Amino acid sequence: VQLQASGGGLVQTGGSLRLSCEASENIFRNNAVGWYRPAPGKQRELVASINSGGSINYADSVKGRFTISRDNAKKMVHLQMNNLKPEDTAVYYCTALTGTWSDPHYNFWGRGTQVTVSS
């Protein structure tokens, strides 16, 4: 499988969820891996990413609440989402990307997983 996401679900405001993404070895080795979600007025919002060297970036909207991590042995990336807000409600897509944080090139993406935060 190229990118397979799991996790997501329904949680109340202030709750937590954990998303996981398993990547094929070639993708994991040659790309940063992250998560994006649709955003109003934009095609998508890159929420967080982590590259093979461990360099991490977050969107301002999730800084301090979301934590991305990478398990190289299992070729997995996890997104721990804490203190969730209703505006975090979206379908989250695991993605493999190159380029820079401000100008990413989305090379692969998996099926989305729904995150719903109730108020």
PDB file of N, CA and C in Angstrom:
ATOM      1  N   VAL A   1       0.840  -1.181   0.000  1.00  0.00           N
ATOM      2  CA  VAL A   1       0.000   0.000   0.000  1.00  0.00           C
ATOM      3  C   VAL A   1       0.887   1.246   0.000  1.00  0.00           C
ATOM      4  N   GLN A   2       0.504   2.287  -0.722  1.00  0.00           N
ATOM      5  CA  GLN A   2       1.331   3.478  -0.781  1.00  0.00           C
ATOM      6  C   GLN A   2       1.171   4.319   0.474  1.00  0.00           C
ATOM      7  N   LEU A   3      -0.055   4.720   0.757  1.00  0.00           N
ATOM      8  CA  LEU A   3      -0.334   5.475   1.965  1.00  0.00           C
ATOM      9  C   LEU A   3      -1.660   4.992   2.516  1.00  0.00           C
ATOM     10  N   GLN A   4      -1.648   4.554   3.749  1.00  0.00           N
ATOM     11  CA  GLN A   4      -2.881   4.079   4.366  1.00  0.00           C
ATOM     12  C   GLN A   4      -3.055   4.743   5.712  1.00  0.00           C
ATOM     13  N   ALA A   5      -4.158   5.452   5.849  1.00  0.00           N
ATOM     14  CA  ALA A   5      -4.425   6.195   7.070  1.00  0.00           C
ATOM     15  C   ALA A   5      -5.404   5.446   7.963  1.00  0.00           C
ATOM     16  N   SER A   6      -5.289   5.698   9.241  1.00  0.00           N
ATOM     17  CA  SER A   6      -6.223   5.144  10.213  1.00  0.00           C
ATOM     18  C   SER A   6      -6.389   6.151  11.348  1.00  0.00           C
ATOM     19  N   GLY A   7      -7.389   5.925  12.156  1.00  0.00           N
ATOM     20  CA  GLY A   7      -7.686   6.840  13.245  1.00  0.00           C
ATOM     21  C   GLY A   7      -8.849   7.726  12.868  1.00  0.00           C
ATOM     22  N   GLY A   8      -8.970   8.843  13.501  1.00  0.00           N
ATOM     23  CA  GLY A   8     -10.101   9.714  13.262  1.00  0.00           C
ATOM     24  C   GLY A   8     -11.290   9.279  14.084  1.00  0.00           C
ATOM     25  N   GLY A   9     -12.389  10.019  13.938  1.00  0.00           N
ATOM     26  CA  GLY A   9     -13.592   9.694  14.675  1.00  0.00           C
ATOM     27  C   GLY A   9     -14.295  10.937  15.171  1.00  0.00           C
ATOM     28  N   LEU A  10     -15.155  10.723  16.152  1.00  0.00           N
ATOM     29  CA  LEU A  10     -15.958  11.801  16.725  1.00  0.00           C
ATOM     30  C   LEU A  10     -15.492  12.058  18.156  1.00  0.00           C
ATOM     31  N   VAL A  11     -15.273  13.326  18.475  1.00  0.00           N
ATOM     32  CA  VAL A  11     -14.814  13.682  19.811  1.00  0.00           C
ATOM     33  C   VAL A  11     -15.410  15.026  20.198  1.00  0.00           C
ATOM     34  N   GLN A  12     -15.524  15.269  21.469  1.00  0.00           N
ATOM     35  CA  GLN A  12     -16.026  16.560  21.935  1.00  0.00           C
ATOM     36  C   GLN A  12     -14.912  17.603  21.935  1.00  0.00           C
ATOM     37  N   THR A  13     -15.298  18.847  21.958  1.00  0.00           N
ATOM     38  CA  THR A  13     -14.339  19.942  22.052  1.00  0.00           C
ATOM     39  C   THR A  13     -13.416  19.723  23.243  1.00  0.00           C
ATOM     40  N   GLY A  14     -12.127  19.893  22.983  1.00  0.00           N
ATOM     41  CA  GLY A  14     -11.132  19.683  24.027  1.00  0.00           C
ATOM     42  C   GLY A  14     -10.593  18.274  24.084  1.00  0.00           C
ATOM     43  N   GLY A  15     -11.177  17.391  23.325  1.00  0.00           N
ATOM     44  CA  GLY A  15     -10.749  16.002  23.311  1.00  0.00           C
ATOM     45  C   GLY A  15      -9.535  15.770  22.431  1.00  0.00           C
ATOM     46  N   SER A  16      -9.145  14.510  22.333  1.00  0.00           N
ATOM     47  CA  SER A  16      -7.951  14.126  21.578  1.00  0.00           C
ATOM     48  C   SER A  16      -8.250  12.985  20.631  1.00  0.00           C
ATOM     49  N   LEU A  17      -7.510  12.976  19.549  1.00  0.00           N
ATOM     50  CA  LEU A  17      -7.544  11.871  18.590  1.00  0.00           C
ATOM     51  C   LEU A  17      -6.131  11.665  18.064  1.00  0.00           C
ATOM     52  N   ARG A  18      -5.890  10.473  17.573  1.00  0.00           N
ATOM     53  CA  ARG A  18      -4.593  10.162  16.976  1.00  0.00           C
ATOM     54  C   ARG A  18      -4.801   9.569  15.596  1.00  0.00           C
ATOM     55  N   LEU A  19      -4.170  10.179  14.617  1.00  0.00           N
ATOM     56  CA  LEU A  19      -4.187   9.657  13.259  1.00  0.00           C
ATOM     57  C   LEU A  19      -2.861   8.965  12.987  1.00  0.00           C
ATOM     58  N   SER A  20      -2.934   7.897  12.212  1.00  0.00           N
ATOM     59  CA  SER A  20      -1.721   7.178  11.827  1.00  0.00           C
ATOM     60  C   SER A  20      -1.714   6.971  10.322  1.00  0.00           C
ATOM     61  N   CYS A  21      -0.528   6.951   9.760  1.00  0.00           N
ATOM     62  CA  CYS A  21      -0.384   6.751   8.324  1.00  0.00           C
ATOM     63  C   CYS A  21       0.772   5.794   8.085  1.00  0.00           C
ATOM     64  N   GLU A  22       0.491   4.733   7.374  1.00  0.00           N
ATOM     65  CA  GLU A  22       1.529   3.777   6.996  1.00  0.00           C
ATOM     66  C   GLU A  22       1.892   4.027   5.542  1.00  0.00           C
ATOM     67  N   ALA A  23       3.173   4.086   5.272  1.00  0.00           N
ATOM     68  CA  ALA A  23       3.643   4.370   3.921  1.00  0.00           C
ATOM     69  C   ALA A  23       4.479   3.219   3.384  1.00  0.00           C
ATOM     70  N   SER A  24       4.483   3.090   2.081  1.00  0.00           N
ATOM     71  CA  SER A  24       5.377   2.115   1.471  1.00  0.00           C
ATOM     72  C   SER A  24       6.811   2.585   1.645  1.00  0.00           C
ATOM     73  N   GLU A  25       7.743   1.653   1.576  1.00  0.00           N
ATOM     74  CA  GLU A  25       9.126   1.984   1.900  1.00  0.00           C
ATOM     75  C   GLU A  25       9.694   3.055   0.985  1.00  0.00           C
ATOM     76  N   ASN A  26       9.418   2.965  -0.287  1.00  0.00           N
ATOM     77  CA  ASN A  26       9.974   3.926  -1.237  1.00  0.00           C
ATOM     78  C   ASN A  26       9.456   5.339  -0.963  1.00  0.00           C
ATOM     79  N   ILE A  27       8.177   5.436  -0.701  1.00  0.00           N
ATOM     80  CA  ILE A  27       7.592   6.744  -0.407  1.00  0.00           C
ATOM     81  C   ILE A  27       8.158   7.293   0.891  1.00  0.00           C
ATOM     82  N   PHE A  28       8.236   6.439   1.890  1.00  0.00           N
ATOM     83  CA  PHE A  28       8.706   6.875   3.203  1.00  0.00           C
ATOM     84  C   PHE A  28      10.139   7.373   3.129  1.00  0.00           C
ATOM     85  N   ARG A  29      10.946   6.744   2.319  1.00  0.00           N
ATOM     86  CA  ARG A  29      12.360   7.085   2.250  1.00  0.00           C
ATOM     87  C   ARG A  29      12.600   8.384   1.491  1.00  0.00           C
ATOM     88  N   ASN A  30      11.773   8.661   0.498  1.00  0.00           N
ATOM     89  CA  ASN A  30      12.063   9.765  -0.417  1.00  0.00           C
ATOM     90  C   ASN A  30      11.181  11.003  -0.252  1.00  0.00           C
ATOM     91  N   ASN A  31      10.301  10.979   0.719  1.00  0.00           N
ATOM     92  CA  ASN A  31       9.378  12.098   0.890  1.00  0.00           C
ATOM     93  C   ASN A  31       9.239  12.479   2.353  1.00  0.00           C
ATOM     94  N   ALA A  32       8.879  13.713   2.563  1.00  0.00           N
ATOM     95  CA  ALA A  32       8.307  14.066   3.853  1.00  0.00           C
ATOM     96  C   ALA A  32       6.888  13.490   3.872  1.00  0.00           C
ATOM     97  N   VAL A  33       6.380  13.255   5.043  1.00  0.00           N
ATOM     98  CA  VAL A  33       5.010  12.738   5.181  1.00  0.00           C
ATOM     99  C   VAL A  33       4.251  13.670   6.114  1.00  0.00           C
ATOM    100  N   GLY A  34       3.016  13.926   5.769  1.00  0.00           N
ATOM    101  CA  GLY A  34       2.238  14.838   6.585  1.00  0.00           C
ATOM    102  C   GLY A  34       0.758  14.635   6.385  1.00  0.00           C
ATOM    103  N   TRP A  35       0.015  15.630   6.843  1.00  0.00           N
ATOM    104  CA  TRP A  35      -1.451  15.581   6.769  1.00  0.00           C
ATOM    105  C   TRP A  35      -1.961  16.923   6.253  1.00  0.00           C
ATOM    106  N   TYR A  36      -2.949  16.848   5.388  1.00  0.00           N
ATOM    107  CA  TYR A  36      -3.612  18.077   4.983  1.00  0.00           C
ATOM    108  C   TYR A  36      -5.115  17.902   5.130  1.00  0.00           C
ATOM    109  N   ARG A  37      -5.814  19.022   5.137  1.00  0.00           N
ATOM    110  CA  ARG A  37      -7.274  19.012   5.211  1.00  0.00           C
ATOM    111  C   ARG A  37      -7.812  20.116   4.310  1.00  0.00           C
ATOM    112  N   PRO A  38      -9.007  19.973   3.835  1.00  0.00           N
ATOM    113  CA  PRO A  38      -9.600  21.059   3.048  1.00  0.00           C
ATOM    114  C   PRO A  38      -9.751  22.286   3.941  1.00  0.00           C
ATOM    115  N   ALA A  39      -9.647  23.458   3.346  1.00  0.00           N
ATOM    116  CA  ALA A  39      -9.778  24.689   4.113  1.00  0.00           C
ATOM    117  C   ALA A  39     -10.583  25.708   3.320  1.00  0.00           C
ATOM    118  N   PRO A  40     -11.409  26.505   3.994  1.00  0.00           N
ATOM    119  CA  PRO A  40     -12.191  27.526   3.288  1.00  0.00           C
ATOM    120  C   PRO A  40     -11.293  28.493   2.530  1.00  0.00           C
ATOM    121  N   GLY A  41     -11.615  28.723   1.285  1.00  0.00           N
ATOM    122  CA  GLY A  41     -10.849  29.682   0.509  1.00  0.00           C
ATOM    123  C   GLY A  41      -9.539  29.154  -0.029  1.00  0.00           C
ATOM    124  N   LYS A  42      -9.207  27.919   0.312  1.00  0.00           N
ATOM    125  CA  LYS A  42      -7.966  27.300  -0.177  1.00  0.00           C
ATOM    126  C   LYS A  42      -8.290  25.907  -0.667  1.00  0.00           C
ATOM    127  N   GLN A  43      -7.416  25.426  -1.527  1.00  0.00           N
ATOM    128  CA  GLN A  43      -7.623  24.053  -1.983  1.00  0.00           C
ATOM    129  C   GLN A  43      -7.421  23.085  -0.840  1.00  0.00           C
ATOM    130  N   ARG A  44      -6.384  23.338  -0.041  1.00  0.00           N
ATOM    131  CA  ARG A  44      -6.103  22.489   1.103  1.00  0.00           C
ATOM    132  C   ARG A  44      -5.208  23.245   2.065  1.00  0.00           C
ATOM    133  N   GLU A  45      -5.211  22.801   3.287  1.00  0.00           N
ATOM    134  CA  GLU A  45      -4.328  23.353   4.309  1.00  0.00           C
ATOM    135  C   GLU A  45      -3.399  22.239   4.778  1.00  0.00           C
ATOM    136  N   LEU A  46      -2.114  22.451   4.602  1.00  0.00           N
ATOM    137  CA  LEU A  46      -1.145  21.489   5.116  1.00  0.00           C
ATOM    138  C   LEU A  46      -1.063  21.687   6.622  1.00  0.00           C
ATOM    139  N   VAL A  47      -1.415  20.671   7.362  1.00  0.00           N
ATOM    140  CA  VAL A  47      -1.534  20.789   8.814  1.00  0.00           C
ATOM    141  C   VAL A  47      -0.184  20.555   9.498  1.00  0.00           C
ATOM    142  N   ALA A  48       0.512  19.517   9.080  1.00  0.00           N
ATOM    143  CA  ALA A  48       1.801  19.181   9.689  1.00  0.00           C
ATOM    144  C   ALA A  48       2.566  18.279   8.747  1.00  0.00           C
ATOM    145  N   SER A  49       3.882  18.343   8.843  1.00  0.00           N
ATOM    146  CA  SER A  49       4.707  17.436   8.057  1.00  0.00           C
ATOM    147  C   SER A  49       5.992  17.150   8.799  1.00  0.00           C
ATOM    148  N   ILE A  50       6.594  16.019   8.455  1.00  0.00           N
ATOM    149  CA  ILE A  50       7.869  15.633   9.041  1.00  0.00           C
ATOM    150  C   ILE A  50       8.681  14.950   7.947  1.00  0.00           C
ATOM    151  N   ASN A  51       9.946  15.349   7.805  1.00  0.00           N
ATOM    152  CA  ASN A  51      10.743  14.735   6.745  1.00  0.00           C
ATOM    153  C   ASN A  51      11.646  13.637   7.309  1.00  0.00           C
ATOM    154  N   SER A  52      12.403  13.030   6.445  1.00  0.00           N
ATOM    155  CA  SER A  52      13.210  11.879   6.848  1.00  0.00           C
ATOM    156  C   SER A  52      14.280  12.262   7.861  1.00  0.00           C
ATOM    157  N   GLY A  53      14.644  13.540   7.894  1.00  0.00           N
ATOM    158  CA  GLY A  53      15.623  13.991   8.870  1.00  0.00           C
ATOM    159  C   GLY A  53      15.006  14.414  10.183  1.00  0.00           C
ATOM    160  N   GLY A  54      13.684  14.352  10.254  1.00  0.00           N
ATOM    161  CA  GLY A  54      12.992  14.714  11.491  1.00  0.00           C
ATOM    162  C   GLY A  54      12.592  16.165  11.585  1.00  0.00           C
ATOM    163  N   SER A  55      12.790  16.922  10.514  1.00  0.00           N
ATOM    164  CA  SER A  55      12.376  18.319  10.524  1.00  0.00           C
ATOM    165  C   SER A  55      10.856  18.404  10.444  1.00  0.00           C
ATOM    166  N   ILE A  56      10.285  19.220  11.331  1.00  0.00           N
ATOM    167  CA  ILE A  56       8.826  19.277  11.500  1.00  0.00           C
ATOM    168  C   ILE A  56       8.305  20.682  11.239  1.00  0.00           C
ATOM    169  N   ASN A  57       7.128  20.731  10.621  1.00  0.00           N
ATOM    170  CA  ASN A  57       6.428  21.999  10.441  1.00  0.00           C
ATOM    171  C   ASN A  57       4.958  21.829  10.806  1.00  0.00           C
ATOM    172  N   TYR A  58       4.378  22.893  11.316  1.00  0.00           N
ATOM    173  CA  TYR A  58       2.956  22.907  11.660  1.00  0.00           C
ATOM    174  C   TYR A  58       2.301  24.159  11.106  1.00  0.00           C
ATOM    175  N   ALA A  59       1.033  24.027  10.751  1.00  0.00           N
ATOM    176  CA  ALA A  59       0.241  25.200  10.441  1.00  0.00           C
ATOM    177  C   ALA A  59       0.024  25.984  11.730  1.00  0.00           C
ATOM    178  N   ASP A  60      -0.060  27.296  11.605  1.00  0.00           N
ATOM    179  CA  ASP A  60      -0.267  28.130  12.791  1.00  0.00           C
ATOM    180  C   ASP A  60      -1.530  27.734  13.544  1.00  0.00           C
ATOM    181  N   SER A  61      -2.522  27.268  12.811  1.00  0.00           N
ATOM    182  CA  SER A  61      -3.813  26.947  13.426  1.00  0.00           C
ATOM    183  C   SER A  61      -3.742  25.749  14.375  1.00  0.00           C
ATOM    184  N   VAL A  62      -2.673  24.948  14.284  1.00  0.00           N
ATOM    185  CA  VAL A  62      -2.602  23.753  15.120  1.00  0.00           C
ATOM    186  C   VAL A  62      -1.378  23.736  16.030  1.00  0.00           C
ATOM    187  N   LYS A  63      -0.530  24.723  15.920  1.00  0.00           N
ATOM    188  CA  LYS A  63       0.682  24.757  16.751  1.00  0.00           C
ATOM    189  C   LYS A  63       0.313  24.727  18.222  1.00  0.00           C
ATOM    190  N   GLY A  64       1.037  23.898  18.970  1.00  0.00           N
ATOM    191  CA  GLY A  64       0.784  23.771  20.395  1.00  0.00           C
ATOM    192  C   GLY A  64      -0.299  22.765  20.734  1.00  0.00           C
ATOM    193  N   ARG A  65      -1.020  22.298  19.734  1.00  0.00           N
ATOM    194  CA  ARG A  65      -2.101  21.333  19.976  1.00  0.00           C
ATOM    195  C   ARG A  65      -1.840  20.000  19.278  1.00  0.00           C
ATOM    196  N   PHE A  66      -1.232  20.040  18.118  1.00  0.00           N
ATOM    197  CA  PHE A  66      -0.966  18.827  17.339  1.00  0.00           C
ATOM    198  C   PHE A  66       0.521  18.496  17.412  1.00  0.00           C
ATOM    199  N   THR A  67       0.803  17.198  17.421  1.00  0.00           N
ATOM    200  CA  THR A  67       2.185  16.734  17.418  1.00  0.00           C
ATOM    201  C   THR A  67       2.335  15.630  16.384  1.00  0.00           C
ATOM    202  N   ILE A  68       3.274  15.814  15.474  1.00  0.00           N
ATOM    203  CA  ILE A  68       3.530  14.802  14.457  1.00  0.00           C
ATOM    204  C   ILE A  68       4.808  14.059  14.815  1.00  0.00           C
ATOM    205  N   SER A  69       4.806  12.768  14.565  1.00  0.00           N
ATOM    206  CA  SER A  69       5.982  11.952  14.861  1.00  0.00           C
ATOM    207  C   SER A  69       6.143  10.891  13.787  1.00  0.00           C
ATOM    208  N   ARG A  70       7.338  10.350  13.744  1.00  0.00           N
ATOM    209  CA  ARG A  70       7.677   9.418  12.666  1.00  0.00           C
ATOM    210  C   ARG A  70       8.328   8.177  13.261  1.00  0.00           C
ATOM    211  N   ASP A  71       7.851   7.011  12.866  1.00  0.00           N
ATOM    212  CA  ASP A  71       8.438   5.739  13.289  1.00  0.00           C
ATOM    213  C   ASP A  71       9.097   5.125  12.061  1.00  0.00           C
ATOM    214  N   ASN A  72      10.398   5.290  11.958  1.00  0.00           N
ATOM    215  CA  ASN A  72      11.098   4.837  10.767  1.00  0.00           C
ATOM    216  C   ASN A  72      11.078   3.320  10.616  1.00  0.00           C
ATOM    217  N   ALA A  73      11.133   2.608  11.715  1.00  0.00           N
ATOM    218  CA  ALA A  73      11.152   1.152  11.656  1.00  0.00           C
ATOM    219  C   ALA A  73       9.850   0.598  11.082  1.00  0.00           C
ATOM    220  N   LYS A  74       8.743   1.242  11.442  1.00  0.00           N
ATOM    221  CA  LYS A  74       7.435   0.766  10.986  1.00  0.00           C
ATOM    222  C   LYS A  74       6.940   1.528   9.762  1.00  0.00           C
ATOM    223  N   LYS A  75       7.698   2.539   9.320  1.00  0.00           N
ATOM    224  CA  LYS A  75       7.302   3.360   8.179  1.00  0.00           C
ATOM    225  C   LYS A  75       5.925   3.974   8.433  1.00  0.00           C
ATOM    226  N   MET A  76       5.800   4.559   9.593  1.00  0.00           N
ATOM    227  CA  MET A  76       4.531   5.169   9.966  1.00  0.00           C
ATOM    228  C   MET A  76       4.741   6.583  10.476  1.00  0.00           C
ATOM    229  N   VAL A  77       3.738   7.386  10.265  1.00  0.00           N
ATOM    230  CA  VAL A  77       3.707   8.744  10.800  1.00  0.00           C
ATOM    231  C   VAL A  77       2.418   8.887  11.599  1.00  0.00           C
ATOM    232  N   HIS A  78       2.544   9.506  12.763  1.00  0.00           N
ATOM    233  CA  HIS A  78       1.388   9.689  13.631  1.00  0.00           C
ATOM    234  C   HIS A  78       1.126  11.173  13.838  1.00  0.00           C
ATOM    235  N   LEU A  79      -0.136  11.507  13.958  1.00  0.00           N
ATOM    236  CA  LEU A  79      -0.520  12.885  14.274  1.00  0.00           C
ATOM    237  C   LEU A  79      -1.386  12.838  15.522  1.00  0.00           C
ATOM    238  N   GLN A  80      -0.809  13.266  16.626  1.00  0.00           N
ATOM    239  CA  GLN A  80      -1.539  13.357  17.885  1.00  0.00           C
ATOM    240  C   GLN A  80      -2.218  14.717  17.938  1.00  0.00           C
ATOM    241  N   MET A  81      -3.521  14.705  18.041  1.00  0.00           N
ATOM    242  CA  MET A  81      -4.295  15.943  18.031  1.00  0.00           C
ATOM    243  C   MET A  81      -4.956  16.123  19.394  1.00  0.00           C
ATOM    244  N   ASN A  82      -4.528  17.142  20.109  1.00  0.00           N
ATOM    245  CA  ASN A  82      -5.061  17.442  21.431  1.00  0.00           C
ATOM    246  C   ASN A  82      -5.825  18.758  21.413  1.00  0.00           C
ATOM    247  N   ASN A  83      -6.629  18.951  22.440  1.00  0.00           N
ATOM    248  CA  ASN A  83      -7.415  20.192  22.578  1.00  0.00           C
ATOM    249  C   ASN A  83      -8.129  20.527  21.264  1.00  0.00           C
ATOM    250  N   LEU A  84      -8.826  19.545  20.745  1.00  0.00           N
ATOM    251  CA  LEU A  84      -9.490  19.713  19.452  1.00  0.00           C
ATOM    252  C   LEU A  84     -10.616  20.729  19.539  1.00  0.00           C
ATOM    253  N   LYS A  85     -10.801  21.440  18.441  1.00  0.00           N
ATOM    254  CA  LYS A  85     -11.820  22.478  18.338  1.00  0.00           C
ATOM    255  C   LYS A  85     -12.785  22.124  17.197  1.00  0.00           C
ATOM    256  N   PRO A  86     -13.975  22.661  17.240  1.00  0.00           N
ATOM    257  CA  PRO A  86     -14.925  22.384  16.148  1.00  0.00           C
ATOM    258  C   PRO A  86     -14.356  22.734  14.772  1.00  0.00           C
ATOM    259  N   GLU A  87     -13.532  23.770  14.701  1.00  0.00           N
ATOM    260  CA  GLU A  87     -12.961  24.159  13.408  1.00  0.00           C
ATOM    261  C   GLU A  87     -11.915  23.172  12.901  1.00  0.00           C
ATOM    262  N   ASP A  88     -11.547  22.205  13.704  1.00  0.00           N
ATOM    263  CA  ASP A  88     -10.663  21.136  13.244  1.00  0.00           C
ATOM    264  C   ASP A  88     -11.429  20.051  12.488  1.00  0.00           C
ATOM    265  N   THR A  89     -12.735  20.121  12.534  1.00  0.00           N
ATOM    266  CA  THR A  89     -13.555  19.138  11.829  1.00  0.00           C
ATOM    267  C   THR A  89     -13.243  19.170  10.335  1.00  0.00           C
ATOM    268  N   ALA A  90     -12.869  18.022   9.799  1.00  0.00           N
ATOM    269  CA  ALA A  90     -12.503  17.923   8.381  1.00  0.00           C
ATOM    270  C   ALA A  90     -12.167  16.480   8.058  1.00  0.00           C
ATOM    271  N   VAL A  91     -12.036  16.221   6.783  1.00  0.00           N
ATOM    272  CA  VAL A  91     -11.424  14.968   6.339  1.00  0.00           C
ATOM    273  C   VAL A  91      -9.925  15.226   6.250  1.00  0.00           C
ATOM    274  N   TYR A  92      -9.153  14.412   6.923  1.00  0.00           N
ATOM    275  CA  TYR A  92      -7.702  14.554   6.950  1.00  0.00           C
ATOM    276  C   TYR A  92      -7.082  13.531   6.001  1.00  0.00           C
ATOM    277  N   TYR A  93      -6.146  14.008   5.197  1.00  0.00           N
ATOM    278  CA  TYR A  93      -5.497  13.163   4.211  1.00  0.00           C
ATOM    279  C   TYR A  93      -4.018  13.041   4.540  1.00  0.00           C
ATOM    280  N   CYS A  94      -3.556  11.819   4.591  1.00  0.00           N
ATOM    281  CA  CYS A  94      -2.124  11.579   4.700  1.00  0.00           C
ATOM    282  C   CYS A  94      -1.487  11.823   3.334  1.00  0.00           C
ATOM    283  N   THR A  95      -0.341  12.498   3.319  1.00  0.00           N
ATOM    284  CA  THR A  95       0.284  12.852   2.059  1.00  0.00           C
ATOM    285  C   THR A  95       1.793  12.695   2.128  1.00  0.00           C
ATOM    286  N   ALA A  96       2.383  12.346   1.012  1.00  0.00           N
ATOM    287  CA  ALA A  96       3.837  12.320   0.875  1.00  0.00           C
ATOM    288  C   ALA A  96       4.224  13.483  -0.024  1.00  0.00           C
ATOM    289  N   LEU A  97       5.149  14.290   0.450  1.00  0.00           N
ATOM    290  CA  LEU A  97       5.424  15.523  -0.280  1.00  0.00           C
ATOM    291  C   LEU A  97       6.900  15.856  -0.319  1.00  0.00           C
ATOM    292  N   THR A  98       7.249  16.663  -1.284  1.00  0.00           N
ATOM    293  CA  THR A  98       8.573  17.258  -1.404  1.00  0.00           C
ATOM    294  C   THR A  98       8.396  18.767  -1.521  1.00  0.00           C
ATOM    295  N   GLY A  99       9.485  19.459  -1.792  1.00  0.00           N
ATOM    296  CA  GLY A  99       9.401  20.909  -1.851  1.00  0.00           C
ATOM    297  C   GLY A  99       9.583  21.514  -0.463  1.00  0.00           C
ATOM    298  N   THR A 100       9.041  22.693  -0.285  1.00  0.00           N
ATOM    299  CA  THR A 100       9.177  23.400   0.989  1.00  0.00           C
ATOM    300  C   THR A 100       7.831  23.518   1.666  1.00  0.00           C
ATOM    301  N   TRP A 101       7.833  23.949   2.913  1.00  0.00           N
ATOM    302  CA  TRP A 101       6.580  24.111   3.654  1.00  0.00           C
ATOM    303  C   TRP A 101       5.684  25.134   2.956  1.00  0.00           C
ATOM    304  N   SER A 102       6.271  26.190   2.468  1.00  0.00           N
ATOM    305  CA  SER A 102       5.461  27.250   1.844  1.00  0.00           C
ATOM    306  C   SER A 102       5.088  26.921   0.404  1.00  0.00           C
ATOM    307  N   ASP A 103       5.777  25.987  -0.194  1.00  0.00           N
ATOM    308  CA  ASP A 103       5.500  25.602  -1.584  1.00  0.00           C
ATOM    309  C   ASP A 103       5.656  24.086  -1.722  1.00  0.00           C
ATOM    310  N   PRO A 104       4.748  23.340  -1.106  1.00  0.00           N
ATOM    311  CA  PRO A 104       4.870  21.882  -1.144  1.00  0.00           C
ATOM    312  C   PRO A 104       4.414  21.296  -2.471  1.00  0.00           C
ATOM    313  N   HIS A 105       4.988  20.179  -2.798  1.00  0.00           N
ATOM    314  CA  HIS A 105       4.558  19.418  -3.960  1.00  0.00           C
ATOM    315  C   HIS A 105       4.007  18.095  -3.438  1.00  0.00           C
ATOM    316  N   TYR A 106       2.715  17.909  -3.608  1.00  0.00           N
ATOM    317  CA  TYR A 106       2.059  16.710  -3.110  1.00  0.00           C
ATOM    318  C   TYR A 106       2.252  15.581  -4.121  1.00  0.00           C
ATOM    319  N   ASN A 107       3.029  14.607  -3.754  1.00  0.00           N
ATOM    320  CA  ASN A 107       3.343  13.513  -4.671  1.00  0.00           C
ATOM    321  C   ASN A 107       2.356  12.351  -4.554  1.00  0.00           C
ATOM    322  N   PHE A 108       1.944  12.055  -3.370  1.00  0.00           N
ATOM    323  CA  PHE A 108       1.010  10.962  -3.127  1.00  0.00           C
ATOM    324  C   PHE A 108       0.077  11.369  -1.995  1.00  0.00           C
ATOM    325  N   TRP A 109      -1.105  10.796  -1.999  1.00  0.00           N
ATOM    326  CA  TRP A 109      -2.020  10.978  -0.880  1.00  0.00           C
ATOM    327  C   TRP A 109      -2.931   9.780  -0.791  1.00  0.00           C
ATOM    328  N   GLY A 110      -3.382   9.516   0.424  1.00  0.00           N
ATOM    329  CA  GLY A 110      -4.229   8.357   0.652  1.00  0.00           C
ATOM    330  C   GLY A 110      -5.684   8.761   0.784  1.00  0.00           C
ATOM    331  N   ARG A 111      -6.499   7.797   1.090  1.00  0.00           N
ATOM    332  CA  ARG A 111      -7.903   8.081   1.375  1.00  0.00           C
ATOM    333  C   ARG A 111      -7.976   8.887   2.667  1.00  0.00           C
ATOM    334  N   GLY A 112      -8.923   9.765   2.719  1.00  0.00           N
ATOM    335  CA  GLY A 112      -9.058  10.597   3.901  1.00  0.00           C
ATOM    336  C   GLY A 112      -9.708   9.865   5.054  1.00  0.00           C
ATOM    337  N   THR A 113      -9.499  10.425   6.230  1.00  0.00           N
ATOM    338  CA  THR A 113     -10.159   9.913   7.424  1.00  0.00           C
ATOM    339  C   THR A 113     -10.879  11.082   8.098  1.00  0.00           C
ATOM    340  N   GLN A 114     -12.116  10.838   8.506  1.00  0.00           N
ATOM    341  CA  GLN A 114     -12.957  11.908   9.031  1.00  0.00           C
ATOM    342  C   GLN A 114     -12.641  12.183  10.489  1.00  0.00           C
ATOM    343  N   VAL A 115     -12.475  13.458  10.784  1.00  0.00           N
ATOM    344  CA  VAL A 115     -12.360  13.929  12.164  1.00  0.00           C
ATOM    345  C   VAL A 115     -13.519  14.893  12.406  1.00  0.00           C
ATOM    346  N   THR A 116     -14.313  14.607  13.402  1.00  0.00           N
ATOM    347  CA  THR A 116     -15.453  15.447  13.739  1.00  0.00           C
ATOM    348  C   THR A 116     -15.351  15.851  15.200  1.00  0.00           C
ATOM    349  N   VAL A 117     -15.393  17.168  15.428  1.00  0.00           N
ATOM    350  CA  VAL A 117     -15.308  17.699  16.794  1.00  0.00           C
ATOM    351  C   VAL A 117     -16.622  18.398  17.096  1.00  0.00           C
ATOM    352  N   SER A 118     -17.321  17.878  18.074  1.00  0.00           N
ATOM    353  CA  SER A 118     -18.618  18.455  18.425  1.00  0.00           C
ATOM    354  C   SER A 118     -18.437  19.525  19.495  1.00  0.00           C
ATOM    355  N   SER A 119     -19.302  20.536  19.420  1.00  0.00           N
ATOM    356  CA  SER A 119     -19.203  21.644  20.389  1.00  0.00           C
ATOM    357  C   SER A 119     -20.064  21.372  21.614  1.00  0.00           C
TER     358      SER A 119
END
